[in-house]
Amino acid sequence: MTETKMTEDGKYLARCGQCGTWVEVYPAPATGDLFFEALKAEFQCCGRQQGATFTREKDCLDFH
């Protein structure tokens, strides 16, 4: 599983499984549920195509 992190300034980073370099990626929406959204990104490093998954909490909406 690829190590991932989201920075405070809104960047998504994935760590190469071979060399350990953090690569900025641009994920697209995948699946989700009521409270969480899943995002997936593909990136290439060390000549290998790799994938990363991010999960973030959805903003709570007030329906009053």
C-alpha atoms as a PDB file:
ATOM      1  CA  MET A   1       0.000   0.000   0.000  1.00  0.00           C
ATOM      2  CA  THR A   2       1.343   3.425  -0.948  1.00  0.00           C
ATOM      3  CA  GLU A   3       1.960   5.886   1.880  1.00  0.00           C
ATOM      4  CA  THR A   4       0.062   9.153   1.346  1.00  0.00           C
ATOM      5  CA  LYS A   5      -0.415  12.500   3.034  1.00  0.00           C
ATOM      6  CA  MET A   6      -2.313  15.739   2.529  1.00  0.00           C
ATOM      7  CA  THR A   7      -0.525  18.993   3.317  1.00  0.00           C
ATOM      8  CA  GLU A   8      -2.045  21.981   5.078  1.00  0.00           C
ATOM      9  CA  ASP A   9      -1.887  23.975   1.841  1.00  0.00           C
ATOM     10  CA  GLY A  10      -4.074  21.395   0.042  1.00  0.00           C
ATOM     11  CA  LYS A  11      -1.464  19.324  -1.800  1.00  0.00           C
ATOM     12  CA  TYR A  12      -1.732  15.563  -2.110  1.00  0.00           C
ATOM     13  CA  LEU A  13       1.517  13.589  -1.820  1.00  0.00           C
ATOM     14  CA  ALA A  14       2.251   9.915  -2.459  1.00  0.00           C
ATOM     15  CA  ARG A  15       5.480   8.147  -1.553  1.00  0.00           C
ATOM     16  CA  CYS A  16       7.244   6.024  -4.167  1.00  0.00           C
ATOM     17  CA  GLY A  17       7.345   2.411  -3.049  1.00  0.00           C
ATOM     18  CA  GLN A  18      10.812   1.935  -4.490  1.00  0.00           C
ATOM     19  CA  CYS A  19      12.913   5.042  -3.708  1.00  0.00           C
ATOM     20  CA  GLY A  20      10.786   6.715  -0.993  1.00  0.00           C
ATOM     21  CA  THR A  21      10.482  10.076  -2.803  1.00  0.00           C
ATOM     22  CA  TRP A  22       7.323  12.085  -2.086  1.00  0.00           C
ATOM     23  CA  VAL A  23       5.545  12.940  -5.353  1.00  0.00           C
ATOM     24  CA  GLU A  24       2.755  15.505  -5.707  1.00  0.00           C
ATOM     25  CA  VAL A  25      -0.291  13.844  -7.267  1.00  0.00           C
ATOM     26  CA  TYR A  26      -3.662  15.074  -8.499  1.00  0.00           C
ATOM     27  CA  PRO A  27      -6.323  12.605  -7.361  1.00  0.00           C
ATOM     28  CA  ALA A  28      -9.769  12.212  -8.872  1.00  0.00           C
ATOM     29  CA  PRO A  29     -12.941  11.273  -7.009  1.00  0.00           C
ATOM     30  CA  ALA A  30     -13.504   7.536  -6.677  1.00  0.00           C
ATOM     31  CA  THR A  31     -16.069   6.066  -4.309  1.00  0.00           C
ATOM     32  CA  GLY A  32     -17.406   7.476  -1.115  1.00  0.00           C
ATOM     33  CA  ASP A  33     -20.152   7.330   1.416  1.00  0.00           C
ATOM     34  CA  LEU A  34     -22.166   9.787   3.451  1.00  0.00           C
ATOM     35  CA  PHE A  35     -19.261  10.966   5.607  1.00  0.00           C
ATOM     36  CA  PHE A  36     -16.066  10.173   3.664  1.00  0.00           C
ATOM     37  CA  GLU A  37     -14.854  10.704   0.115  1.00  0.00           C
ATOM     38  CA  ALA A  38     -12.280   8.441  -1.527  1.00  0.00           C
ATOM     39  CA  LEU A  39      -9.845   9.881  -4.062  1.00  0.00           C
ATOM     40  CA  LYS A  40      -7.463   7.926  -6.307  1.00  0.00           C
ATOM     41  CA  ALA A  41      -4.349   9.008  -8.159  1.00  0.00           C
ATOM     42  CA  GLU A  42      -1.860   7.302 -10.424  1.00  0.00           C
ATOM     43  CA  PHE A  43       1.729   8.463 -10.666  1.00  0.00           C
ATOM     44  CA  GLN A  44       5.010   7.314 -12.106  1.00  0.00           C
ATOM     45  CA  CYS A  45       8.356   7.183 -10.311  1.00  0.00           C
ATOM     46  CA  CYS A  46      11.404   4.939 -10.786  1.00  0.00           C
ATOM     47  CA  GLY A  47       9.938   3.835 -14.122  1.00  0.00           C
ATOM     48  CA  ARG A  48       6.939   2.233 -12.408  1.00  0.00           C
ATOM     49  CA  GLN A  49       3.269   3.141 -12.640  1.00  0.00           C
ATOM     50  CA  GLN A  50       1.941   3.382  -9.076  1.00  0.00           C
ATOM     51  CA  GLY A  51      -1.395   4.169  -7.443  1.00  0.00           C
ATOM     52  CA  ALA A  52      -2.431   6.031  -4.315  1.00  0.00           C
ATOM     53  CA  THR A  53      -5.720   6.301  -2.449  1.00  0.00           C
ATOM     54  CA  PHE A  54      -6.754   9.193  -0.212  1.00  0.00           C
ATOM     55  CA  THR A  55      -9.728   9.413   2.127  1.00  0.00           C
ATOM     56  CA  ARG A  56     -11.027  12.696   3.427  1.00  0.00           C
ATOM     57  CA  GLU A  57     -13.944  13.626   5.608  1.00  0.00           C
ATOM     58  CA  LYS A  58     -16.762  15.394   3.808  1.00  0.00           C
ATOM     59  CA  ASP A  59     -17.864  18.796   5.075  1.00  0.00           C
ATOM     60  CA  CYS A  60     -20.935  18.572   7.285  1.00  0.00           C
ATOM     61  CA  LEU A  61     -23.849  20.483   5.867  1.00  0.00           C
ATOM     62  CA  ASP A  62     -26.553  22.057   7.961  1.00  0.00           C
ATOM     63  CA  PHE A  63     -29.913  21.304   6.326  1.00  0.00           C
ATOM     64  CA  HIS A  64     -32.026  23.684   8.453  1.00  0.00           C
END
